[in-house]
Amino acid sequence: MITQRFIRCLLLAAALAIVSLATSRPGQAQSYPDRPIKLILPFTAGSPNDLIARLIAPEISTRLGQPLVIDNRPGGGTSIGTKAVMSAEPDGYTLLFSNTPTLLIVPVASHAIHYDPLKDILPVASIATSSNLIVISPAVPAKTVQEFVAYAKANPGKLNFGFGQGTQPQLVGEMFKMATKTEITDIPYKGGAQAIPDLLAGRIQMNIGTVSTLRPLHLAGKVRAIAFASTERSPLLPDVPTMAESGYPDVVSLTHYAIFGPPKLPAEIVGKINAAVNAALKSPEVRAGMAKLDFTPHATTTQEFAALVASEEKKWVPIVKATGFQM
């Protein structure tokens, strides 16, 4: 028979289990981190996201006292790496390095990828911003946006635009084509870096990316920079005009690079990561490295960053729908 003493023992054990569960996370947050942290990048090695992540990761590691291990997981329009973080244990040891608007536009532009970027991914720390540079192959007889548009209209469907599938350059390219009323064929790649060899070989005639990736090729004469999709010129390429200066003020974009985490990541852990990132952004070495790559440091609180992501969604989702952008 089940005695009252046995029942009391069961109730006591259950109570202790509940107390243990209730107190485990604060304890974990206080000791965090006590082992290496995996930073998943849903982008190819050598991409702008990869460059900025590897630039700042050592400084963040120093401040957290544990190494950040970069794990490139490209593919699926960045959904493979993103979903790996969404389903990870919310303990702070699996984080996502991505950017807006990529994180925001993928689920809107694809019928096969489903996640809510405002609910399934937690904003943790903003890191940097950059604008996009539009380049063309030197084989194209054009040196300005106006000349390139005229040539594209004279050769509809004969020019190719290469980009990383599901990335901001793809969307900026759609904005470019819509604004200029040109017919340029889309050529998607697993990652933006993989489009470069075909651009250099003349198999694609247009590419969009960051200054860090494309400026060396422009200076070497291997590609021709024709415009920035920005409101201001870059100090690293002061002779290259903006799209607004070229007559297309609606072709403007700004990329926000940042760290995200799985939902339900404890606030204490989020705060520690955010503080470490903001401290790393004050490093003279990091700031000098960013300047050379044409990135601008962008530190925020977690609350400010969450508000920024929400405002970016309101901006980019209508653009996706207006351009008919699809993955």
C-alpha atoms as a PDB file:
ATOM      1  CA  MET A   1       0.000   0.000   0.000  1.00  0.00           C
ATOM      2  CA  ILE A   2       1.074   3.590  -0.627  1.00  0.00           C
ATOM      3  CA  THR A   3       1.721   5.215   2.742  1.00  0.00           C
ATOM      4  CA  GLN A   4       1.326   8.906   3.598  1.00  0.00           C
ATOM      5  CA  ARG A   5       5.068   9.068   4.197  1.00  0.00           C
ATOM      6  CA  PHE A   6       5.740   7.827   0.656  1.00  0.00           C
ATOM      7  CA  ILE A   7       3.354  10.410  -0.766  1.00  0.00           C
ATOM      8  CA  ARG A   8       5.058  13.158   1.213  1.00  0.00           C
ATOM      9  CA  CYS A   9       8.422  12.036  -0.185  1.00  0.00           C
ATOM     10  CA  LEU A  10       7.081  12.197  -3.731  1.00  0.00           C
ATOM     11  CA  LEU A  11       5.694  15.686  -3.168  1.00  0.00           C
ATOM     12  CA  LEU A  12       9.000  16.838  -1.672  1.00  0.00           C
ATOM     13  CA  ALA A  13      10.954  15.451  -4.630  1.00  0.00           C
ATOM     14  CA  ALA A  14       8.626  17.202  -7.081  1.00  0.00           C
ATOM     15  CA  ALA A  15       9.001  20.491  -5.206  1.00  0.00           C
ATOM     16  CA  LEU A  16      12.784  20.217  -5.239  1.00  0.00           C
ATOM     17  CA  ALA A  17      12.730  19.500  -8.990  1.00  0.00           C
ATOM     18  CA  ILE A  18      10.628  22.611  -9.626  1.00  0.00           C
ATOM     19  CA  VAL A  19      12.969  24.760  -7.545  1.00  0.00           C
ATOM     20  CA  SER A  20      15.952  23.339  -9.440  1.00  0.00           C
ATOM     21  CA  LEU A  21      14.409  24.187 -12.808  1.00  0.00           C
ATOM     22  CA  ALA A  22      13.439  27.651 -11.667  1.00  0.00           C
ATOM     23  CA  THR A  23      16.943  28.481 -10.482  1.00  0.00           C
ATOM     24  CA  SER A  24      19.029  26.769 -13.170  1.00  0.00           C
ATOM     25  CA  ARG A  25      18.948  29.567 -15.751  1.00  0.00           C
ATOM     26  CA  PRO A  26      20.007  32.406 -13.454  1.00  0.00           C
ATOM     27  CA  GLY A  27      22.927  30.236 -12.360  1.00  0.00           C
ATOM     28  CA  GLN A  28      23.834  29.574 -15.968  1.00  0.00           C
ATOM     29  CA  ALA A  29      23.613  33.289 -16.754  1.00  0.00           C
ATOM     30  CA  GLN A  30      25.907  34.166 -13.851  1.00  0.00           C
ATOM     31  CA  SER A  31      28.584  31.692 -14.941  1.00  0.00           C
ATOM     32  CA  TYR A  32      28.169  32.422 -18.671  1.00  0.00           C
ATOM     33  CA  PRO A  33      30.284  31.804 -20.630  1.00  0.00           C
ATOM     34  CA  ASP A  34      32.294  28.843 -19.374  1.00  0.00           C
ATOM     35  CA  ARG A  35      33.057  27.236 -22.736  1.00  0.00           C
ATOM     36  CA  PRO A  36      33.533  28.243 -26.419  1.00  0.00           C
ATOM     37  CA  ILE A  37      30.653  29.987 -28.211  1.00  0.00           C
ATOM     38  CA  LYS A  38      29.626  28.970 -31.716  1.00  0.00           C
ATOM     39  CA  LEU A  39      28.874  31.878 -34.065  1.00  0.00           C
ATOM     40  CA  ILE A  40      26.940  30.584 -37.084  1.00  0.00           C
ATOM     41  CA  LEU A  41      27.173  32.555 -40.335  1.00  0.00           C
ATOM     42  CA  PRO A  42      24.647  31.576 -43.033  1.00  0.00           C
ATOM     43  CA  PHE A  43      27.073  33.010 -45.606  1.00  0.00           C
ATOM     44  CA  THR A  44      30.100  31.782 -47.541  1.00  0.00           C
ATOM     45  CA  ALA A  45      33.656  32.327 -46.340  1.00  0.00           C
ATOM     46  CA  GLY A  46      35.090  35.546 -47.754  1.00  0.00           C
ATOM     47  CA  SER A  47      31.702  37.273 -47.904  1.00  0.00           C
ATOM     48  CA  PRO A  48      31.263  40.733 -46.296  1.00  0.00           C
ATOM     49  CA  ASN A  49      29.476  39.122 -43.335  1.00  0.00           C
ATOM     50  CA  ASP A  50      32.379  36.712 -42.910  1.00  0.00           C
ATOM     51  CA  LEU A  51      34.966  39.517 -43.064  1.00  0.00           C
ATOM     52  CA  ILE A  52      33.304  41.682 -40.428  1.00  0.00           C
ATOM     53  CA  ALA A  53      32.594  38.695 -38.156  1.00  0.00           C
ATOM     54  CA  ARG A  54      36.211  37.552 -38.242  1.00  0.00           C
ATOM     55  CA  LEU A  55      37.408  41.114 -37.647  1.00  0.00           C
ATOM     56  CA  ILE A  56      35.464  41.611 -34.422  1.00  0.00           C
ATOM     57  CA  ALA A  57      35.244  38.034 -33.084  1.00  0.00           C
ATOM     58  CA  PRO A  58      38.687  38.070 -31.366  1.00  0.00           C
ATOM     59  CA  GLU A  59      37.837  41.290 -29.499  1.00  0.00           C
ATOM     60  CA  ILE A  60      34.489  39.882 -28.333  1.00  0.00           C
ATOM     61  CA  SER A  61      36.255  36.668 -27.262  1.00  0.00           C
ATOM     62  CA  THR A  62      38.718  38.660 -25.162  1.00  0.00           C
ATOM     63  CA  ARG A  63      35.917  40.425 -23.326  1.00  0.00           C
ATOM     64  CA  LEU A  64      33.831  37.302 -22.739  1.00  0.00           C
ATOM     65  CA  GLY A  65      36.809  35.187 -21.777  1.00  0.00           C
ATOM     66  CA  GLN A  66      35.914  32.405 -24.209  1.00  0.00           C
ATOM     67  CA  PRO A  67      36.656  31.878 -27.928  1.00  0.00           C
ATOM     68  CA  LEU A  68      34.026  32.600 -30.579  1.00  0.00           C
ATOM     69  CA  VAL A  69      34.170  29.761 -33.122  1.00  0.00           C
ATOM     70  CA  ILE A  70      32.937  30.889 -36.543  1.00  0.00           C
ATOM     71  CA  ASP A  71      30.842  28.271 -38.347  1.00  0.00           C
ATOM     72  CA  ASN A  72      29.977  29.089 -41.982  1.00  0.00           C
ATOM     73  CA  ARG A  73      26.711  27.421 -43.026  1.00  0.00           C
ATOM     74  CA  PRO A  74      25.607  28.942 -46.349  1.00  0.00           C
ATOM     75  CA  GLY A  75      22.731  27.686 -48.447  1.00  0.00           C
ATOM     76  CA  GLY A  76      18.963  27.704 -48.561  1.00  0.00           C
ATOM     77  CA  GLY A  77      18.904  31.454 -49.067  1.00  0.00           C
ATOM     78  CA  THR A  78      20.631  31.794 -45.636  1.00  0.00           C
ATOM     79  CA  SER A  79      17.830  29.751 -44.017  1.00  0.00           C
ATOM     80  CA  ILE A  80      20.045  26.739 -43.160  1.00  0.00           C
ATOM     81  CA  GLY A  81      22.265  28.642 -40.740  1.00  0.00           C
ATOM     82  CA  THR A  82      19.423  30.814 -39.470  1.00  0.00           C
ATOM     83  CA  LYS A  83      17.183  27.864 -38.596  1.00  0.00           C
ATOM     84  CA  ALA A  84      20.094  26.109 -36.857  1.00  0.00           C
ATOM     85  CA  VAL A  85      20.192  28.992 -34.384  1.00  0.00           C
ATOM     86  CA  MET A  86      16.407  29.235 -34.087  1.00  0.00           C
ATOM     87  CA  SER A  87      16.248  25.625 -32.877  1.00  0.00           C
ATOM     88  CA  ALA A  88      19.365  25.805 -30.680  1.00  0.00           C
ATOM     89  CA  GLU A  89      19.304  25.595 -26.896  1.00  0.00           C
ATOM     90  CA  PRO A  90      18.824  29.154 -25.564  1.00  0.00           C
ATOM     91  CA  ASP A  91      21.977  29.040 -23.460  1.00  0.00           C
ATOM     92  CA  GLY A  92      24.109  31.591 -25.341  1.00  0.00           C
ATOM     93  CA  TYR A  93      26.515  29.050 -26.828  1.00  0.00           C
ATOM     94  CA  THR A  94      24.974  29.103 -30.312  1.00  0.00           C
ATOM     95  CA  LEU A  95      24.561  32.542 -31.873  1.00  0.00           C
ATOM     96  CA  LEU A  96      23.802  33.905 -35.344  1.00  0.00           C
ATOM     97  CA  PHE A  97      25.783  36.497 -37.275  1.00  0.00           C
ATOM     98  CA  SER A  98      23.557  37.932 -39.987  1.00  0.00           C
ATOM     99  CA  ASN A  99      22.272  41.223 -41.298  1.00  0.00           C
ATOM    100  CA  THR A 100      19.143  43.141 -42.012  1.00  0.00           C
ATOM    101  CA  PRO A 101      17.513  43.191 -44.469  1.00  0.00           C
ATOM    102  CA  THR A 102      18.606  39.637 -45.410  1.00  0.00           C
ATOM    103  CA  LEU A 103      17.135  38.197 -42.208  1.00  0.00           C
ATOM    104  CA  LEU A 104      13.878  40.060 -42.831  1.00  0.00           C
ATOM    105  CA  ILE A 105      13.327  39.528 -46.545  1.00  0.00           C
ATOM    106  CA  VAL A 106      14.033  35.794 -46.879  1.00  0.00           C
ATOM    107  CA  PRO A 107      10.769  34.495 -45.347  1.00  0.00           C
ATOM    108  CA  VAL A 108       8.769  37.086 -47.312  1.00  0.00           C
ATOM    109  CA  ALA A 109      10.434  36.320 -50.642  1.00  0.00           C
ATOM    110  CA  SER A 110      10.253  32.519 -50.390  1.00  0.00           C
ATOM    111  CA  HIS A 111       7.293  30.144 -50.367  1.00  0.00           C
ATOM    112  CA  ALA A 112       9.476  27.367 -48.938  1.00  0.00           C
ATOM    113  CA  ILE A 113      11.149  29.177 -46.021  1.00  0.00           C
ATOM    114  CA  HIS A 114       8.982  29.907 -43.022  1.00  0.00           C
ATOM    115  CA  TYR A 115      10.015  31.824 -39.900  1.00  0.00           C
ATOM    116  CA  ASP A 116       9.059  35.054 -38.184  1.00  0.00           C
ATOM    117  CA  PRO A 117      12.189  37.237 -37.899  1.00  0.00           C
ATOM    118  CA  LEU A 118      10.619  39.269 -35.080  1.00  0.00           C
ATOM    119  CA  LYS A 119       9.621  36.234 -32.987  1.00  0.00           C
ATOM    120  CA  ASP A 120      11.861  33.303 -33.930  1.00  0.00           C
ATOM    121  CA  ILE A 121      15.157  35.218 -33.744  1.00  0.00           C
ATOM    122  CA  LEU A 122      16.249  37.435 -30.855  1.00  0.00           C
ATOM    123  CA  PRO A 123      18.210  40.661 -31.573  1.00  0.00           C
ATOM    124  CA  VAL A 124      21.313  40.704 -29.361  1.00  0.00           C
ATOM    125  CA  ALA A 125      23.895  43.251 -30.547  1.00  0.00           C
ATOM    126  CA  SER A 126      24.330  45.596 -33.485  1.00  0.00           C
ATOM    127  CA  ILE A 127      27.852  45.717 -34.901  1.00  0.00           C
ATOM    128  CA  ALA A 128      28.237  47.751 -38.097  1.00  0.00           C
ATOM    129  CA  THR A 129      26.615  49.230 -41.181  1.00  0.00           C
ATOM    130  CA  SER A 130      27.660  49.483 -44.814  1.00  0.00           C
ATOM    131  CA  SER A 131      26.220  50.420 -48.187  1.00  0.00           C
ATOM    132  CA  ASN A 132      26.272  48.554 -51.497  1.00  0.00           C
ATOM    133  CA  LEU A 133      28.530  49.239 -54.459  1.00  0.00           C
ATOM    134  CA  ILE A 134      27.275  48.512 -57.992  1.00  0.00           C
ATOM    135  CA  VAL A 135      29.915  47.272 -60.414  1.00  0.00           C
ATOM    136  CA  ILE A 136      29.912  46.067 -64.004  1.00  0.00           C
ATOM    137  CA  SER A 137      32.280  44.102 -66.201  1.00  0.00           C
ATOM    138  CA  PRO A 138      34.905  46.205 -68.060  1.00  0.00           C
ATOM    139  CA  ALA A 139      33.748  44.383 -71.191  1.00  0.00           C
ATOM    140  CA  VAL A 140      30.509  46.396 -71.064  1.00  0.00           C
ATOM    141  CA  PRO A 141      30.949  49.645 -73.038  1.00  0.00           C
ATOM    142  CA  ALA A 142      29.757  51.898 -70.202  1.00  0.00           C
ATOM    143  CA  LYS A 143      31.397  54.012 -67.508  1.00  0.00           C
ATOM    144  CA  THR A 144      28.363  55.544 -65.803  1.00  0.00           C
ATOM    145  CA  VAL A 145      24.939  54.395 -64.650  1.00  0.00           C
ATOM    146  CA  GLN A 146      23.313  56.304 -67.495  1.00  0.00           C
ATOM    147  CA  GLU A 147      25.532  54.629 -70.103  1.00  0.00           C
ATOM    148  CA  PHE A 148      24.983  51.194 -68.565  1.00  0.00           C
ATOM    149  CA  VAL A 149      21.202  51.669 -68.515  1.00  0.00           C
ATOM    150  CA  ALA A 150      21.240  52.782 -72.163  1.00  0.00           C
ATOM    151  CA  TYR A 151      23.313  49.736 -73.125  1.00  0.00           C
ATOM    152  CA  ALA A 152      21.048  47.371 -71.169  1.00  0.00           C
ATOM    153  CA  LYS A 153      17.948  48.795 -72.853  1.00  0.00           C
ATOM    154  CA  ALA A 154      19.606  48.362 -76.250  1.00  0.00           C
ATOM    155  CA  ASN A 155      20.375  44.715 -75.355  1.00  0.00           C
ATOM    156  CA  PRO A 156      17.357  43.476 -73.356  1.00  0.00           C
ATOM    157  CA  GLY A 157      17.885  40.087 -71.679  1.00  0.00           C
ATOM    158  CA  LYS A 158      21.502  39.812 -72.842  1.00  0.00           C
ATOM    159  CA  LEU A 159      23.182  41.044 -69.651  1.00  0.00           C
ATOM    160  CA  ASN A 160      23.487  38.924 -66.496  1.00  0.00           C
ATOM    161  CA  PHE A 161      23.345  40.005 -62.861  1.00  0.00           C
ATOM    162  CA  GLY A 162      25.052  37.644 -60.355  1.00  0.00           C
ATOM    163  CA  PHE A 163      24.267  37.626 -56.631  1.00  0.00           C
ATOM    164  CA  GLY A 164      24.070  35.481 -53.510  1.00  0.00           C
ATOM    165  CA  GLN A 165      20.631  33.898 -53.290  1.00  0.00           C
ATOM    166  CA  GLY A 166      18.389  35.565 -50.718  1.00  0.00           C
ATOM    167  CA  THR A 167      20.776  38.410 -49.913  1.00  0.00           C
ATOM    168  CA  GLN A 168      20.393  42.175 -49.927  1.00  0.00           C
ATOM    169  CA  PRO A 169      22.376  42.625 -53.185  1.00  0.00           C
ATOM    170  CA  GLN A 170      19.734  40.516 -54.927  1.00  0.00           C
ATOM    171  CA  LEU A 171      16.998  42.841 -53.690  1.00  0.00           C
ATOM    172  CA  VAL A 172      19.001  45.961 -54.537  1.00  0.00           C
ATOM    173  CA  GLY A 173      19.444  44.554 -58.036  1.00  0.00           C
ATOM    174  CA  GLU A 174      15.684  44.174 -58.359  1.00  0.00           C
ATOM    175  CA  MET A 175      15.278  47.771 -57.170  1.00  0.00           C
ATOM    176  CA  PHE A 176      17.838  48.820 -59.790  1.00  0.00           C
ATOM    177  CA  LYS A 177      16.048  47.015 -62.609  1.00  0.00           C
ATOM    178  CA  MET A 178      12.651  48.347 -61.564  1.00  0.00           C
ATOM    179  CA  ALA A 179      13.895  51.936 -61.277  1.00  0.00           C
ATOM    180  CA  THR A 180      15.825  51.851 -64.574  1.00  0.00           C
ATOM    181  CA  LYS A 181      13.236  49.749 -66.439  1.00  0.00           C
ATOM    182  CA  THR A 182      15.919  47.382 -67.726  1.00  0.00           C
ATOM    183  CA  GLU A 183      15.757  43.658 -68.532  1.00  0.00           C
ATOM    184  CA  ILE A 184      18.795  42.035 -66.927  1.00  0.00           C
ATOM    185  CA  THR A 185      18.873  38.276 -66.304  1.00  0.00           C
ATOM    186  CA  ASP A 186      19.212  37.076 -62.696  1.00  0.00           C
ATOM    187  CA  ILE A 187      21.951  34.513 -61.958  1.00  0.00           C
ATOM    188  CA  PRO A 188      21.705  33.282 -58.321  1.00  0.00           C
ATOM    189  CA  TYR A 189      24.668  31.773 -56.461  1.00  0.00           C
ATOM    190  CA  LYS A 190      24.979  29.986 -53.123  1.00  0.00           C
ATOM    191  CA  GLY A 191      26.912  33.010 -51.849  1.00  0.00           C
ATOM    192  CA  GLY A 192      27.864  36.404 -53.211  1.00  0.00           C
ATOM    193  CA  ALA A 193      31.581  35.588 -53.243  1.00  0.00           C
ATOM    194  CA  GLN A 194      30.931  32.764 -55.707  1.00  0.00           C
ATOM    195  CA  ALA A 195      29.655  35.233 -58.304  1.00  0.00           C
ATOM    196  CA  ILE A 196      32.989  37.069 -58.482  1.00  0.00           C
ATOM    197  CA  PRO A 197      34.892  34.530 -60.644  1.00  0.00           C
ATOM    198  CA  ASP A 198      32.113  34.614 -63.237  1.00  0.00           C
ATOM    199  CA  LEU A 199      32.129  38.421 -63.138  1.00  0.00           C
ATOM    200  CA  LEU A 200      35.887  38.463 -63.760  1.00  0.00           C
ATOM    201  CA  ALA A 201      35.489  35.916 -66.558  1.00  0.00           C
ATOM    202  CA  GLY A 202      32.770  38.005 -68.229  1.00  0.00           C
ATOM    203  CA  ARG A 203      30.001  35.443 -67.772  1.00  0.00           C
ATOM    204  CA  ILE A 204      28.016  37.940 -65.722  1.00  0.00           C
ATOM    205  CA  GLN A 205      28.076  41.681 -66.380  1.00  0.00           C
ATOM    206  CA  MET A 206      26.720  43.188 -63.145  1.00  0.00           C
ATOM    207  CA  ASN A 207      27.330  42.584 -59.445  1.00  0.00           C
ATOM    208  CA  ILE A 208      26.441  44.362 -56.207  1.00  0.00           C
ATOM    209  CA  GLY A 209      28.378  44.067 -52.960  1.00  0.00           C
ATOM    210  CA  THR A 210      30.386  45.877 -50.323  1.00  0.00           C
ATOM    211  CA  VAL A 211      33.382  48.123 -50.828  1.00  0.00           C
ATOM    212  CA  SER A 212      35.527  45.627 -48.923  1.00  0.00           C
ATOM    213  CA  THR A 213      34.879  42.987 -51.585  1.00  0.00           C
ATOM    214  CA  LEU A 214      34.709  45.040 -54.778  1.00  0.00           C
ATOM    215  CA  ARG A 215      37.008  48.037 -54.268  1.00  0.00           C
ATOM    216  CA  PRO A 216      40.263  46.062 -54.777  1.00  0.00           C
ATOM    217  CA  LEU A 217      38.887  44.659 -58.041  1.00  0.00           C
ATOM    218  CA  HIS A 218      37.825  48.134 -59.173  1.00  0.00           C
ATOM    219  CA  LEU A 219      41.254  49.624 -58.387  1.00  0.00           C
ATOM    220  CA  ALA A 220      42.903  46.748 -60.272  1.00  0.00           C
ATOM    221  CA  GLY A 221      40.724  47.459 -63.324  1.00  0.00           C
ATOM    222  CA  LYS A 222      39.055  44.050 -63.152  1.00  0.00           C
ATOM    223  CA  VAL A 223      35.581  45.522 -62.567  1.00  0.00           C
ATOM    224  CA  ARG A 224      34.162  49.013 -63.036  1.00  0.00           C
ATOM    225  CA  ALA A 225      32.346  50.719 -60.142  1.00  0.00           C
ATOM    226  CA  ILE A 226      29.497  52.894 -61.419  1.00  0.00           C
ATOM    227  CA  ALA A 227      27.491  53.862 -58.309  1.00  0.00           C
ATOM    228  CA  PHE A 228      26.738  53.480 -54.610  1.00  0.00           C
ATOM    229  CA  ALA A 229      23.264  52.463 -53.514  1.00  0.00           C
ATOM    230  CA  SER A 230      23.590  54.992 -50.722  1.00  0.00           C
ATOM    231  CA  THR A 231      22.807  58.581 -49.794  1.00  0.00           C
ATOM    232  CA  GLU A 232      26.513  59.449 -49.545  1.00  0.00           C
ATOM    233  CA  ARG A 233      29.691  58.657 -51.421  1.00  0.00           C
ATOM    234  CA  SER A 234      32.321  56.475 -49.782  1.00  0.00           C
ATOM    235  CA  PRO A 235      35.549  58.140 -48.617  1.00  0.00           C
ATOM    236  CA  LEU A 236      37.357  55.094 -50.008  1.00  0.00           C
ATOM    237  CA  LEU A 237      35.948  55.714 -53.510  1.00  0.00           C
ATOM    238  CA  PRO A 238      35.138  59.440 -53.577  1.00  0.00           C
ATOM    239  CA  ASP A 239      34.930  59.583 -57.374  1.00  0.00           C
ATOM    240  CA  VAL A 240      32.088  57.040 -57.563  1.00  0.00           C
ATOM    241  CA  PRO A 241      28.665  58.775 -57.458  1.00  0.00           C
ATOM    242  CA  THR A 242      25.555  57.604 -55.635  1.00  0.00           C
ATOM    243  CA  MET A 243      22.487  56.269 -57.411  1.00  0.00           C
ATOM    244  CA  ALA A 244      20.684  59.445 -56.340  1.00  0.00           C
ATOM    245  CA  GLU A 245      23.329  61.554 -58.065  1.00  0.00           C
ATOM    246  CA  SER A 246      22.930  59.326 -61.111  1.00  0.00           C
ATOM    247  CA  GLY A 247      19.218  60.098 -61.304  1.00  0.00           C
ATOM    248  CA  TYR A 248      17.734  57.201 -59.292  1.00  0.00           C
ATOM    249  CA  PRO A 249      17.106  58.372 -55.699  1.00  0.00           C
ATOM    250  CA  ASP A 250      14.925  55.353 -54.848  1.00  0.00           C
ATOM    251  CA  VAL A 251      17.796  52.873 -55.191  1.00  0.00           C
ATOM    252  CA  VAL A 252      19.155  53.293 -51.662  1.00  0.00           C
ATOM    253  CA  SER A 253      20.073  50.604 -49.140  1.00  0.00           C
ATOM    254  CA  LEU A 254      21.959  50.231 -45.881  1.00  0.00           C
ATOM    255  CA  THR A 255      23.054  46.923 -44.369  1.00  0.00           C
ATOM    256  CA  HIS A 256      23.057  46.401 -40.590  1.00  0.00           C
ATOM    257  CA  TYR A 257      25.397  43.592 -39.464  1.00  0.00           C
ATOM    258  CA  ALA A 258      24.603  42.088 -36.084  1.00  0.00           C
ATOM    259  CA  ILE A 259      24.475  39.153 -33.685  1.00  0.00           C
ATOM    260  CA  PHE A 260      21.194  37.371 -32.994  1.00  0.00           C
ATOM    261  CA  GLY A 261      20.241  34.490 -30.716  1.00  0.00           C
ATOM    262  CA  PRO A 262      17.556  31.837 -30.335  1.00  0.00           C
ATOM    263  CA  PRO A 263      14.237  32.845 -28.785  1.00  0.00           C
ATOM    264  CA  LYS A 264      14.004  32.688 -24.968  1.00  0.00           C
ATOM    265  CA  LEU A 265      17.702  33.508 -24.577  1.00  0.00           C
ATOM    266  CA  PRO A 266      17.923  34.839 -20.964  1.00  0.00           C
ATOM    267  CA  ALA A 267      18.139  38.612 -20.652  1.00  0.00           C
ATOM    268  CA  GLU A 268      21.244  38.332 -18.461  1.00  0.00           C
ATOM    269  CA  ILE A 269      23.121  36.495 -21.215  1.00  0.00           C
ATOM    270  CA  VAL A 270      21.885  38.909 -23.887  1.00  0.00           C
ATOM    271  CA  GLY A 271      23.148  41.775 -21.755  1.00  0.00           C
ATOM    272  CA  LYS A 272      26.592  40.212 -21.342  1.00  0.00           C
ATOM    273  CA  ILE A 273      26.989  39.642 -25.091  1.00  0.00           C
ATOM    274  CA  ASN A 274      25.722  43.131 -25.933  1.00  0.00           C
ATOM    275  CA  ALA A 275      28.142  44.724 -23.449  1.00  0.00           C
ATOM    276  CA  ALA A 276      31.058  42.682 -24.830  1.00  0.00           C
ATOM    277  CA  VAL A 277      30.221  43.701 -28.410  1.00  0.00           C
ATOM    278  CA  ASN A 278      29.884  47.392 -27.535  1.00  0.00           C
ATOM    279  CA  ALA A 279      33.215  47.289 -25.694  1.00  0.00           C
ATOM    280  CA  ALA A 280      34.844  45.553 -28.694  1.00  0.00           C
ATOM    281  CA  LEU A 281      33.542  48.289 -30.992  1.00  0.00           C
ATOM    282  CA  LYS A 282      35.596  50.830 -29.018  1.00  0.00           C
ATOM    283  CA  SER A 283      38.816  49.000 -29.893  1.00  0.00           C
ATOM    284  CA  PRO A 284      41.085  51.197 -32.087  1.00  0.00           C
ATOM    285  CA  GLU A 285      42.115  48.088 -34.028  1.00  0.00           C
ATOM    286  CA  VAL A 286      38.504  47.145 -34.776  1.00  0.00           C
ATOM    287  CA  ARG A 287      37.558  50.683 -35.790  1.00  0.00           C
ATOM    288  CA  ALA A 288      40.619  50.996 -38.037  1.00  0.00           C
ATOM    289  CA  GLY A 289      39.877  47.610 -39.608  1.00  0.00           C
ATOM    290  CA  MET A 290      36.282  48.598 -40.268  1.00  0.00           C
ATOM    291  CA  ALA A 291      37.327  51.896 -41.838  1.00  0.00           C
ATOM    292  CA  LYS A 292      39.606  50.060 -44.273  1.00  0.00           C
ATOM    293  CA  LEU A 293      36.660  47.883 -45.316  1.00  0.00           C
ATOM    294  CA  ASP A 294      34.208  50.824 -45.452  1.00  0.00           C
ATOM    295  CA  PHE A 295      32.137  49.566 -42.504  1.00  0.00           C
ATOM    296  CA  THR A 296      30.822  51.979 -39.876  1.00  0.00           C
ATOM    297  CA  PRO A 297      30.723  50.807 -36.223  1.00  0.00           C
ATOM    298  CA  HIS A 298      27.172  50.818 -34.891  1.00  0.00           C
ATOM    299  CA  ALA A 299      26.739  50.131 -31.168  1.00  0.00           C
ATOM    300  CA  THR A 300      23.292  50.058 -29.547  1.00  0.00           C
ATOM    301  CA  THR A 301      21.548  48.738 -26.474  1.00  0.00           C
ATOM    302  CA  THR A 302      19.531  45.541 -26.932  1.00  0.00           C
ATOM    303  CA  GLN A 303      16.324  47.576 -26.741  1.00  0.00           C
ATOM    304  CA  GLU A 304      17.508  50.051 -29.378  1.00  0.00           C
ATOM    305  CA  PHE A 305      18.585  47.215 -31.649  1.00  0.00           C
ATOM    306  CA  ALA A 306      15.248  45.390 -31.304  1.00  0.00           C
ATOM    307  CA  ALA A 307      13.443  48.617 -32.241  1.00  0.00           C
ATOM    308  CA  LEU A 308      15.757  49.030 -35.237  1.00  0.00           C
ATOM    309  CA  VAL A 309      15.005  45.521 -36.513  1.00  0.00           C
ATOM    310  CA  ALA A 310      11.260  46.154 -36.205  1.00  0.00           C
ATOM    311  CA  SER A 311      11.563  49.432 -38.134  1.00  0.00           C
ATOM    312  CA  GLU A 312      13.696  47.752 -40.817  1.00  0.00           C
ATOM    313  CA  GLU A 313      10.987  45.149 -41.364  1.00  0.00           C
ATOM    314  CA  LYS A 314       8.440  47.908 -42.001  1.00  0.00           C
ATOM    315  CA  LYS A 315      10.819  49.366 -44.567  1.00  0.00           C
ATOM    316  CA  TRP A 316      11.961  46.288 -46.482  1.00  0.00           C
ATOM    317  CA  VAL A 317       8.864  44.076 -46.636  1.00  0.00           C
ATOM    318  CA  PRO A 318       6.942  46.625 -48.765  1.00  0.00           C
ATOM    319  CA  ILE A 319       9.966  46.918 -51.085  1.00  0.00           C
ATOM    320  CA  VAL A 320      10.044  43.119 -51.497  1.00  0.00           C
ATOM    321  CA  LYS A 321       6.379  43.134 -52.465  1.00  0.00           C
ATOM    322  CA  ALA A 322       6.666  46.183 -54.730  1.00  0.00           C
ATOM    323  CA  THR A 323       9.577  44.724 -56.721  1.00  0.00           C
ATOM    324  CA  GLY A 324       8.040  41.247 -56.944  1.00  0.00           C
ATOM    325  CA  PHE A 325      11.277  39.933 -55.432  1.00  0.00           C
ATOM    326  CA  GLN A 326      11.185  36.122 -55.205  1.00  0.00           C
ATOM    327  CA  MET A 327      13.670  33.437 -54.249  1.00  0.00           C
END
